Amino acid sequence: MQLNRKLTHLLKGRTIQAESGDQGSVVLTFADGSTLKLKVAGQASVTAGGKVKAAHESGAEFRLDLETGSAVQVRLADPGSSVALRDRNGAVEYLG
């Protein structure tokens, strides 16, 4: 799967504090107050506490590698417009 350099640069080192969502979406809240919203095909669950190492995206496949060696992998609902990263104040850091 192809490395998403821009998103990796923005997310590397951020710790997942909480996960929420339902059918069709996942929201990851990081320790710094920023959020990553993913529109997904189906449901996905993420374990809090992991620190992001890298982000990968290839078509509908999206994966966050964590420093622990585990990964968060989901299938995006609409590749190219299913990922939104916002800082703690709600300002857009990344859309894709």
PDB file of N, CA and C in Angstrom:
ATOM      1  N   MET A   1       0.856  -1.174   0.000  1.00  0.00           N
ATOM      2  CA  MET A   1       0.000   0.000   0.000  1.00  0.00           C
ATOM      3  C   MET A   1       0.905   1.241   0.000  1.00  0.00           C
ATOM      4  N   GLN A   2       0.500   2.236  -0.735  1.00  0.00           N
ATOM      5  CA  GLN A   2       1.312   3.434  -0.930  1.00  0.00           C
ATOM      6  C   GLN A   2       1.288   4.352   0.297  1.00  0.00           C
ATOM      7  N   LEU A   3       2.469   4.858   0.680  1.00  0.00           N
ATOM      8  CA  LEU A   3       2.599   5.794   1.791  1.00  0.00           C
ATOM      9  C   LEU A   3       1.977   7.135   1.410  1.00  0.00           C
ATOM     10  N   ASN A   4       1.148   7.681   2.290  1.00  0.00           N
ATOM     11  CA  ASN A   4       0.601   9.021   2.107  1.00  0.00           C
ATOM     12  C   ASN A   4       1.541   9.956   2.875  1.00  0.00           C
ATOM     13  N   ARG A   5       2.499  10.528   2.166  1.00  0.00           N
ATOM     14  CA  ARG A   5       3.555  11.328   2.806  1.00  0.00           C
ATOM     15  C   ARG A   5       3.004  12.543   3.550  1.00  0.00           C
ATOM     16  N   LYS A   6       2.063  13.241   2.948  1.00  0.00           N
ATOM     17  CA  LYS A   6       1.526  14.448   3.575  1.00  0.00           C
ATOM     18  C   LYS A   6       0.809  14.106   4.882  1.00  0.00           C
ATOM     19  N   LEU A   7      -0.054  13.087   4.859  1.00  0.00           N
ATOM     20  CA  LEU A   7      -0.785  12.715   6.061  1.00  0.00           C
ATOM     21  C   LEU A   7       0.142  12.097   7.103  1.00  0.00           C
ATOM     22  N   THR A   8       1.126  11.325   6.655  1.00  0.00           N
ATOM     23  CA  THR A   8       2.114  10.764   7.584  1.00  0.00           C
ATOM     24  C   THR A   8       2.830  11.887   8.324  1.00  0.00           C
ATOM     25  N   HIS A   9       3.261  12.899   7.582  1.00  0.00           N
ATOM     26  CA  HIS A   9       3.952  14.041   8.195  1.00  0.00           C
ATOM     27  C   HIS A   9       3.086  14.717   9.261  1.00  0.00           C
ATOM     28  N   LEU A  10       1.796  14.849   8.981  1.00  0.00           N
ATOM     29  CA  LEU A  10       0.886  15.517   9.913  1.00  0.00           C
ATOM     30  C   LEU A  10       0.545  14.657  11.128  1.00  0.00           C
ATOM     31  N   LEU A  11       0.442  13.343  10.954  1.00  0.00           N
ATOM     32  CA  LEU A  11      -0.030  12.463  12.030  1.00  0.00           C
ATOM     33  C   LEU A  11       1.073  11.794  12.842  1.00  0.00           C
ATOM     34  N   LYS A  12       2.260  11.676  12.294  1.00  0.00           N
ATOM     35  CA  LYS A  12       3.342  10.941  12.964  1.00  0.00           C
ATOM     36  C   LYS A  12       3.563  11.466  14.378  1.00  0.00           C
ATOM     37  N   GLY A  13       3.520  10.546  15.341  1.00  0.00           N
ATOM     38  CA  GLY A  13       3.750  10.886  16.735  1.00  0.00           C
ATOM     39  C   GLY A  13       2.495  11.228  17.523  1.00  0.00           C
ATOM     40  N   ARG A  14       1.365  11.409  16.854  1.00  0.00           N
ATOM     41  CA  ARG A  14       0.122  11.704  17.571  1.00  0.00           C
ATOM     42  C   ARG A  14      -0.425  10.411  18.185  1.00  0.00           C
ATOM     43  N   THR A  15      -0.933  10.518  19.405  1.00  0.00           N
ATOM     44  CA  THR A  15      -1.466   9.371  20.126  1.00  0.00           C
ATOM     45  C   THR A  15      -2.984   9.362  20.049  1.00  0.00           C
ATOM     46  N   ILE A  16      -3.531   8.213  19.651  1.00  0.00           N
ATOM     47  CA  ILE A  16      -4.985   8.057  19.580  1.00  0.00           C
ATOM     48  C   ILE A  16      -5.526   7.987  21.006  1.00  0.00           C
ATOM     49  N   GLN A  17      -6.357   8.950  21.359  1.00  0.00           N
ATOM     50  CA  GLN A  17      -6.912   9.020  22.709  1.00  0.00           C
ATOM     51  C   GLN A  17      -8.276   8.339  22.792  1.00  0.00           C
ATOM     52  N   ALA A  18      -9.079   8.479  21.736  1.00  0.00           N
ATOM     53  CA  ALA A  18     -10.424   7.906  21.746  1.00  0.00           C
ATOM     54  C   ALA A  18     -10.877   7.633  20.318  1.00  0.00           C
ATOM     55  N   GLU A  19     -11.851   6.732  20.219  1.00  0.00           N
ATOM     56  CA  GLU A  19     -12.445   6.383  18.935  1.00  0.00           C
ATOM     57  C   GLU A  19     -13.946   6.405  19.108  1.00  0.00           C
ATOM     58  N   SER A  20     -14.630   6.933  18.109  1.00  0.00           N
ATOM     59  CA  SER A  20     -16.085   6.904  18.115  1.00  0.00           C
ATOM     60  C   SER A  20     -16.547   6.742  16.672  1.00  0.00           C
ATOM     61  N   GLY A  21     -17.813   6.518  16.513  1.00  0.00           N
ATOM     62  CA  GLY A  21     -18.350   6.378  15.172  1.00  0.00           C
ATOM     63  C   GLY A  21     -19.447   5.344  15.137  1.00  0.00           C
ATOM     64  N   ASP A  22     -19.934   5.134  13.944  1.00  0.00           N
ATOM     65  CA  ASP A  22     -20.998   4.169  13.734  1.00  0.00           C
ATOM     66  C   ASP A  22     -20.872   3.641  12.316  1.00  0.00           C
ATOM     67  N   GLN A  23     -21.916   3.026  11.838  1.00  0.00           N
ATOM     68  CA  GLN A  23     -21.916   2.513  10.473  1.00  0.00           C
ATOM     69  C   GLN A  23     -21.620   3.667   9.514  1.00  0.00           C
ATOM     70  N   GLY A  24     -20.525   3.593   8.805  1.00  0.00           N
ATOM     71  CA  GLY A  24     -20.216   4.601   7.804  1.00  0.00           C
ATOM     72  C   GLY A  24     -19.204   5.652   8.215  1.00  0.00           C
ATOM     73  N   SER A  25     -18.852   5.729   9.489  1.00  0.00           N
ATOM     74  CA  SER A  25     -17.846   6.725   9.861  1.00  0.00           C
ATOM     75  C   SER A  25     -17.085   6.310  11.123  1.00  0.00           C
ATOM     76  N   VAL A  26     -15.845   6.768  11.182  1.00  0.00           N
ATOM     77  CA  VAL A  26     -14.986   6.570  12.346  1.00  0.00           C
ATOM     78  C   VAL A  26     -14.337   7.912  12.639  1.00  0.00           C
ATOM     79  N   VAL A  27     -14.331   8.307  13.905  1.00  0.00           N
ATOM     80  CA  VAL A  27     -13.655   9.528  14.316  1.00  0.00           C
ATOM     81  C   VAL A  27     -12.599   9.161  15.341  1.00  0.00           C
ATOM     82  N   LEU A  28     -11.351   9.491  15.037  1.00  0.00           N
ATOM     83  CA  LEU A  28     -10.260   9.286  15.973  1.00  0.00           C
ATOM     84  C   LEU A  28      -9.931  10.621  16.604  1.00  0.00           C
ATOM     85  N   THR A  29      -9.899  10.664  17.928  1.00  0.00           N
ATOM     86  CA  THR A  29      -9.505  11.874  18.640  1.00  0.00           C
ATOM     87  C   THR A  29      -8.110  11.626  19.194  1.00  0.00           C
ATOM     88  N   PHE A  30      -7.216  12.566  18.928  1.00  0.00           N
ATOM     89  CA  PHE A  30      -5.837  12.437  19.369  1.00  0.00           C
ATOM     90  C   PHE A  30      -5.609  13.208  20.667  1.00  0.00           C
ATOM     91  N   ALA A  31      -4.536  12.877  21.370  1.00  0.00           N
ATOM     92  CA  ALA A  31      -4.224  13.483  22.667  1.00  0.00           C
ATOM     93  C   ALA A  31      -4.070  15.001  22.580  1.00  0.00           C
ATOM     94  N   ASP A  32      -3.694  15.526  21.406  1.00  0.00           N
ATOM     95  CA  ASP A  32      -3.534  16.976  21.246  1.00  0.00           C
ATOM     96  C   ASP A  32      -4.854  17.683  20.931  1.00  0.00           C
ATOM     97  N   GLY A  33      -5.960  16.922  20.890  1.00  0.00           N
ATOM     98  CA  GLY A  33      -7.273  17.501  20.624  1.00  0.00           C
ATOM     99  C   GLY A  33      -7.684  17.505  19.172  1.00  0.00           C
ATOM    100  N   SER A  34      -6.798  17.105  18.275  1.00  0.00           N
ATOM    101  CA  SER A  34      -7.140  17.046  16.854  1.00  0.00           C
ATOM    102  C   SER A  34      -8.000  15.809  16.588  1.00  0.00           C
ATOM    103  N   THR A  35      -8.693  15.814  15.447  1.00  0.00           N
ATOM    104  CA  THR A  35      -9.559  14.684  15.096  1.00  0.00           C
ATOM    105  C   THR A  35      -9.328  14.260  13.646  1.00  0.00           C
ATOM    106  N   LEU A  36      -9.454  12.967  13.414  1.00  0.00           N
ATOM    107  CA  LEU A  36      -9.374  12.403  12.081  1.00  0.00           C
ATOM    108  C   LEU A  36     -10.695  11.704  11.824  1.00  0.00           C
ATOM    109  N   LYS A  37     -11.449  12.193  10.844  1.00  0.00           N
ATOM    110  CA  LYS A  37     -12.738  11.595  10.509  1.00  0.00           C
ATOM    111  C   LYS A  37     -12.590  10.825   9.208  1.00  0.00           C
ATOM    112  N   LEU A  38     -13.024   9.568   9.242  1.00  0.00           N
ATOM    113  CA  LEU A  38     -12.955   8.699   8.081  1.00  0.00           C
ATOM    114  C   LEU A  38     -14.363   8.251   7.706  1.00  0.00           C
ATOM    115  N   LYS A  39     -14.743   8.433   6.440  1.00  0.00           N
ATOM    116  CA  LYS A  39     -15.993   7.868   5.932  1.00  0.00           C
ATOM    117  C   LYS A  39     -15.629   6.473   5.447  1.00  0.00           C
ATOM    118  N   VAL A  40     -16.216   5.460   6.086  1.00  0.00           N
ATOM    119  CA  VAL A  40     -15.830   4.087   5.788  1.00  0.00           C
ATOM    120  C   VAL A  40     -16.985   3.279   5.204  1.00  0.00           C
ATOM    121  N   ALA A  41     -16.616   2.242   4.497  1.00  0.00           N
ATOM    122  CA  ALA A  41     -17.590   1.288   3.979  1.00  0.00           C
ATOM    123  C   ALA A  41     -17.748   0.216   5.053  1.00  0.00           C
ATOM    124  N   GLY A  42     -18.867   0.215   5.732  1.00  0.00           N
ATOM    125  CA  GLY A  42     -19.088  -0.728   6.823  1.00  0.00           C
ATOM    126  C   GLY A  42     -18.689  -0.141   8.156  1.00  0.00           C
ATOM    127  N   GLN A  43     -18.355  -1.007   9.100  1.00  0.00           N
ATOM    128  CA  GLN A  43     -17.959  -0.564  10.429  1.00  0.00           C
ATOM    129  C   GLN A  43     -16.485  -0.832  10.642  1.00  0.00           C
ATOM    130  N   ALA A  44     -15.889  -0.088  11.540  1.00  0.00           N
ATOM    131  CA  ALA A  44     -14.493  -0.286  11.900  1.00  0.00           C
ATOM    132  C   ALA A  44     -14.341   0.063  13.366  1.00  0.00           C
ATOM    133  N   SER A  45     -13.426  -0.612  14.023  1.00  0.00           N
ATOM    134  CA  SER A  45     -13.152  -0.265  15.412  1.00  0.00           C
ATOM    135  C   SER A  45     -11.649  -0.084  15.572  1.00  0.00           C
ATOM    136  N   VAL A  46     -11.282   0.830  16.451  1.00  0.00           N
ATOM    137  CA  VAL A  46      -9.895   1.197  16.663  1.00  0.00           C
ATOM    138  C   VAL A  46      -9.632   1.194  18.158  1.00  0.00           C
ATOM    139  N   THR A  47      -8.501   0.657  18.551  1.00  0.00           N
ATOM    140  CA  THR A  47      -8.129   0.664  19.957  1.00  0.00           C
ATOM    141  C   THR A  47      -7.367   1.938  20.271  1.00  0.00           C
ATOM    142  N   ALA A  48      -7.801   2.649  21.291  1.00  0.00           N
ATOM    143  CA  ALA A  48      -7.132   3.889  21.699  1.00  0.00           C
ATOM    144  C   ALA A  48      -5.768   3.574  22.311  1.00  0.00           C
ATOM    145  N   GLY A  49      -4.906   4.581  22.328  1.00  0.00           N
ATOM    146  CA  GLY A  49      -3.618   4.469  22.983  1.00  0.00           C
ATOM    147  C   GLY A  49      -2.436   4.331  22.059  1.00  0.00           C
ATOM    148  N   GLY A  50      -2.649   3.987  20.808  1.00  0.00           N
ATOM    149  CA  GLY A  50      -1.541   3.819  19.875  1.00  0.00           C
ATOM    150  C   GLY A  50      -1.017   5.141  19.356  1.00  0.00           C
ATOM    151  N   LYS A  51       0.278   5.169  19.087  1.00  0.00           N
ATOM    152  CA  LYS A  51       0.918   6.360  18.527  1.00  0.00           C
ATOM    153  C   LYS A  51       1.166   6.107  17.044  1.00  0.00           C
ATOM    154  N   VAL A  52       0.752   7.049  16.201  1.00  0.00           N
ATOM    155  CA  VAL A  52       0.837   6.885  14.747  1.00  0.00           C
ATOM    156  C   VAL A  52       2.285   6.942  14.270  1.00  0.00           C
ATOM    157  N   LYS A  53       2.621   5.975  13.415  1.00  0.00           N
ATOM    158  CA  LYS A  53       3.943   5.910  12.797  1.00  0.00           C
ATOM    159  C   LYS A  53       3.885   6.357  11.337  1.00  0.00           C
ATOM    160  N   ALA A  54       2.832   5.902  10.609  1.00  0.00           N
ATOM    161  CA  ALA A  54       2.712   6.225   9.183  1.00  0.00           C
ATOM    162  C   ALA A  54       1.266   6.048   8.721  1.00  0.00           C
ATOM    163  N   ALA A  55       0.920   6.741   7.632  1.00  0.00           N
ATOM    164  CA  ALA A  55      -0.402   6.617   7.010  1.00  0.00           C
ATOM    165  C   ALA A  55      -0.222   6.130   5.580  1.00  0.00           C
ATOM    166  N   HIS A  56      -1.040   5.162   5.191  1.00  0.00           N
ATOM    167  CA  HIS A  56      -0.990   4.595   3.843  1.00  0.00           C
ATOM    168  C   HIS A  56      -2.378   4.668   3.230  1.00  0.00           C
ATOM    169  N   GLU A  57      -2.410   4.900   1.917  1.00  0.00           N
ATOM    170  CA  GLU A  57      -3.684   4.972   1.216  1.00  0.00           C
ATOM    171  C   GLU A  57      -3.482   4.481  -0.213  1.00  0.00           C
ATOM    172  N   SER A  58      -4.369   3.587  -0.624  1.00  0.00           N
ATOM    173  CA  SER A  58      -4.320   3.071  -1.978  1.00  0.00           C
ATOM    174  C   SER A  58      -5.743   2.765  -2.411  1.00  0.00           C
ATOM    175  N   GLY A  59      -6.296   3.630  -3.257  1.00  0.00           N
ATOM    176  CA  GLY A  59      -7.685   3.475  -3.656  1.00  0.00           C
ATOM    177  C   GLY A  59      -8.585   3.572  -2.436  1.00  0.00           C
ATOM    178  N   ALA A  60      -9.377   2.546  -2.200  1.00  0.00           N
ATOM    179  CA  ALA A  60     -10.310   2.554  -1.066  1.00  0.00           C
ATOM    180  C   ALA A  60      -9.672   2.043   0.229  1.00  0.00           C
ATOM    181  N   GLU A  61      -8.457   1.530   0.145  1.00  0.00           N
ATOM    182  CA  GLU A  61      -7.793   0.991   1.340  1.00  0.00           C
ATOM    183  C   GLU A  61      -7.026   2.090   2.073  1.00  0.00           C
ATOM    184  N   PHE A  62      -7.206   2.154   3.386  1.00  0.00           N
ATOM    185  CA  PHE A  62      -6.546   3.160   4.221  1.00  0.00           C
ATOM    186  C   PHE A  62      -5.996   2.455   5.450  1.00  0.00           C
ATOM    187  N   ARG A  63      -4.742   2.748   5.803  1.00  0.00           N
ATOM    188  CA  ARG A  63      -4.124   2.108   6.963  1.00  0.00           C
ATOM    189  C   ARG A  63      -3.250   3.093   7.729  1.00  0.00           C
ATOM    190  N   LEU A  64      -3.368   3.057   9.049  1.00  0.00           N
ATOM    191  CA  LEU A  64      -2.463   3.779   9.935  1.00  0.00           C
ATOM    192  C   LEU A  64      -1.591   2.743  10.618  1.00  0.00           C
ATOM    193  N   ASP A  65      -0.272   2.840  10.446  1.00  0.00           N
ATOM    194  CA  ASP A  65       0.652   1.986  11.167  1.00  0.00           C
ATOM    195  C   ASP A  65       0.948   2.656  12.503  1.00  0.00           C
ATOM    196  N   LEU A  66       0.939   1.865  13.569  1.00  0.00           N
ATOM    197  CA  LEU A  66       1.210   2.380  14.905  1.00  0.00           C
ATOM    198  C   LEU A  66       2.599   1.942  15.356  1.00  0.00           C
ATOM    199  N   GLU A  67       3.186   2.703  16.268  1.00  0.00           N
ATOM    200  CA  GLU A  67       4.534   2.400  16.736  1.00  0.00           C
ATOM    201  C   GLU A  67       4.623   1.052  17.443  1.00  0.00           C
ATOM    202  N   THR A  68       3.513   0.533  17.914  1.00  0.00           N
ATOM    203  CA  THR A  68       3.489  -0.760  18.600  1.00  0.00           C
ATOM    204  C   THR A  68       3.628  -1.923  17.626  1.00  0.00           C
ATOM    205  N   GLY A  69       3.545  -1.643  16.330  1.00  0.00           N
ATOM    206  CA  GLY A  69       3.607  -2.686  15.328  1.00  0.00           C
ATOM    207  C   GLY A  69       2.227  -3.086  14.823  1.00  0.00           C
ATOM    208  N   SER A  70       1.182  -2.662  15.512  1.00  0.00           N
ATOM    209  CA  SER A  70      -0.177  -2.940  15.052  1.00  0.00           C
ATOM    210  C   SER A  70      -0.586  -1.890  14.024  1.00  0.00           C
ATOM    211  N   ALA A  71      -1.757  -2.077  13.446  1.00  0.00           N
ATOM    212  CA  ALA A  71      -2.233  -1.149  12.420  1.00  0.00           C
ATOM    213  C   ALA A  71      -3.741  -1.003  12.517  1.00  0.00           C
ATOM    214  N   VAL A  72      -4.213   0.131  12.038  1.00  0.00           N
ATOM    215  CA  VAL A  72      -5.642   0.404  11.903  1.00  0.00           C
ATOM    216  C   VAL A  72      -5.911   0.387  10.409  1.00  0.00           C
ATOM    217  N   GLN A  73      -6.759  -0.523   9.941  1.00  0.00           N
ATOM    218  CA  GLN A  73      -7.035  -0.601   8.512  1.00  0.00           C
ATOM    219  C   GLN A  73      -8.532  -0.559   8.282  1.00  0.00           C
ATOM    220  N   VAL A  74      -8.945   0.311   7.347  1.00  0.00           N
ATOM    221  CA  VAL A  74     -10.362   0.448   6.998  1.00  0.00           C
ATOM    222  C   VAL A  74     -10.493   0.545   5.478  1.00  0.00           C
ATOM    223  N   ARG A  75     -11.703   0.333   5.022  1.00  0.00           N
ATOM    224  CA  ARG A  75     -12.037   0.532   3.606  1.00  0.00           C
ATOM    225  C   ARG A  75     -12.824   1.834   3.522  1.00  0.00           C
ATOM    226  N   LEU A  76     -12.295   2.788   2.747  1.00  0.00           N
ATOM    227  CA  LEU A  76     -12.932   4.095   2.610  1.00  0.00           C
ATOM    228  C   LEU A  76     -14.178   4.014   1.735  1.00  0.00           C
ATOM    229  N   ALA A  77     -15.190   4.775   2.111  1.00  0.00           N
ATOM    230  CA  ALA A  77     -16.452   4.791   1.364  1.00  0.00           C
ATOM    231  C   ALA A  77     -16.294   5.456   0.006  1.00  0.00           C
ATOM    232  N   ASP A  78     -15.523   6.529  -0.046  1.00  0.00           N
ATOM    233  CA  ASP A  78     -15.364   7.304  -1.275  1.00  0.00           C
ATOM    234  C   ASP A  78     -13.911   7.764  -1.380  1.00  0.00           C
ATOM    235  N   PRO A  79     -13.038   6.956  -1.981  1.00  0.00           N
ATOM    236  CA  PRO A  79     -11.627   7.318  -2.078  1.00  0.00           C
ATOM    237  C   PRO A  79     -11.432   8.720  -2.641  1.00  0.00           C
ATOM    238  N   GLY A  80     -10.551   9.465  -2.003  1.00  0.00           N
ATOM    239  CA  GLY A  80     -10.265  10.827  -2.446  1.00  0.00           C
ATOM    240  C   GLY A  80     -11.042  11.891  -1.704  1.00  0.00           C
ATOM    241  N   SER A  81     -12.115  11.487  -0.999  1.00  0.00           N
ATOM    242  CA  SER A  81     -12.877  12.490  -0.238  1.00  0.00           C
ATOM    243  C   SER A  81     -13.465  11.883   1.041  1.00  0.00           C
ATOM    244  N   SER A  82     -12.725  10.965   1.656  1.00  0.00           N
ATOM    245  CA  SER A  82     -13.224  10.296   2.854  1.00  0.00           C
ATOM    246  C   SER A  82     -12.371  10.538   4.098  1.00  0.00           C
ATOM    247  N   VAL A  83     -11.337  11.359   3.981  1.00  0.00           N
ATOM    248  CA  VAL A  83     -10.419  11.585   5.100  1.00  0.00           C
ATOM    249  C   VAL A  83     -10.374  13.079   5.414  1.00  0.00           C
ATOM    250  N   ALA A  84     -10.617  13.425   6.682  1.00  0.00           N
ATOM    251  CA  ALA A  84     -10.556  14.828   7.101  1.00  0.00           C
ATOM    252  C   ALA A  84      -9.845  14.921   8.449  1.00  0.00           C
ATOM    253  N   LEU A  85      -8.745  15.665   8.485  1.00  0.00           N
ATOM    254  CA  LEU A  85      -7.998  15.909   9.715  1.00  0.00           C
ATOM    255  C   LEU A  85      -8.190  17.368  10.110  1.00  0.00           C
ATOM    256  N   ARG A  86      -8.611  17.565  11.353  1.00  0.00           N
ATOM    257  CA  ARG A  86      -8.814  18.929  11.875  1.00  0.00           C
ATOM    258  C   ARG A  86      -8.027  19.091  13.168  1.00  0.00           C
ATOM    259  N   ASP A  87      -7.508  20.301  13.386  1.00  0.00           N
ATOM    260  CA  ASP A  87      -6.791  20.558  14.636  1.00  0.00           C
ATOM    261  C   ASP A  87      -7.781  20.747  15.781  1.00  0.00           C
ATOM    262  N   ARG A  88      -7.287  20.996  16.975  1.00  0.00           N
ATOM    263  CA  ARG A  88      -8.161  21.097  18.153  1.00  0.00           C
ATOM    264  C   ARG A  88      -9.165  22.236  18.057  1.00  0.00           C
ATOM    265  N   ASN A  89      -8.907  23.224  17.196  1.00  0.00           N
ATOM    266  CA  ASN A  89      -9.822  24.350  17.021  1.00  0.00           C
ATOM    267  C   ASN A  89     -10.787  24.146  15.855  1.00  0.00           C
ATOM    268  N   GLY A  90     -10.701  23.004  15.186  1.00  0.00           N
ATOM    269  CA  GLY A  90     -11.602  22.706  14.077  1.00  0.00           C
ATOM    270  C   GLY A  90     -11.082  23.149  12.720  1.00  0.00           C
ATOM    271  N   ALA A  91      -9.886  23.745  12.679  1.00  0.00           N
ATOM    272  CA  ALA A  91      -9.316  24.180  11.399  1.00  0.00           C
ATOM    273  C   ALA A  91      -8.835  22.962  10.612  1.00  0.00           C
ATOM    274  N   VAL A  92      -9.059  22.966   9.314  1.00  0.00           N
ATOM    275  CA  VAL A  92      -8.686  21.859   8.453  1.00  0.00           C
ATOM    276  C   VAL A  92      -7.163  21.791   8.313  1.00  0.00           C
ATOM    277  N   GLU A  93      -6.620  20.599   8.552  1.00  0.00           N
ATOM    278  CA  GLU A  93      -5.198  20.340   8.324  1.00  0.00           C
ATOM    279  C   GLU A  93      -4.995  19.511   7.059  1.00  0.00           C
ATOM    280  N   TYR A  94      -5.988  18.642   6.773  1.00  0.00           N
ATOM    281  CA  TYR A  94      -5.875  17.757   5.611  1.00  0.00           C
ATOM    282  C   TYR A  94      -7.259  17.307   5.183  1.00  0.00           C
ATOM    283  N   LEU A  95      -7.504  17.320   3.893  1.00  0.00           N
ATOM    284  CA  LEU A  95      -8.721  16.751   3.299  1.00  0.00           C
ATOM    285  C   LEU A  95      -8.290  15.854   2.144  1.00  0.00           C
ATOM    286  N   GLY A  96      -8.837  14.677   2.081  1.00  0.00           N
ATOM    287  CA  GLY A  96      -8.469  13.803   0.967  1.00  0.00           C
ATOM    288  C   GLY A  96      -9.290  12.552   0.929  1.00  0.00           C
TER     289      GLY A  96
END
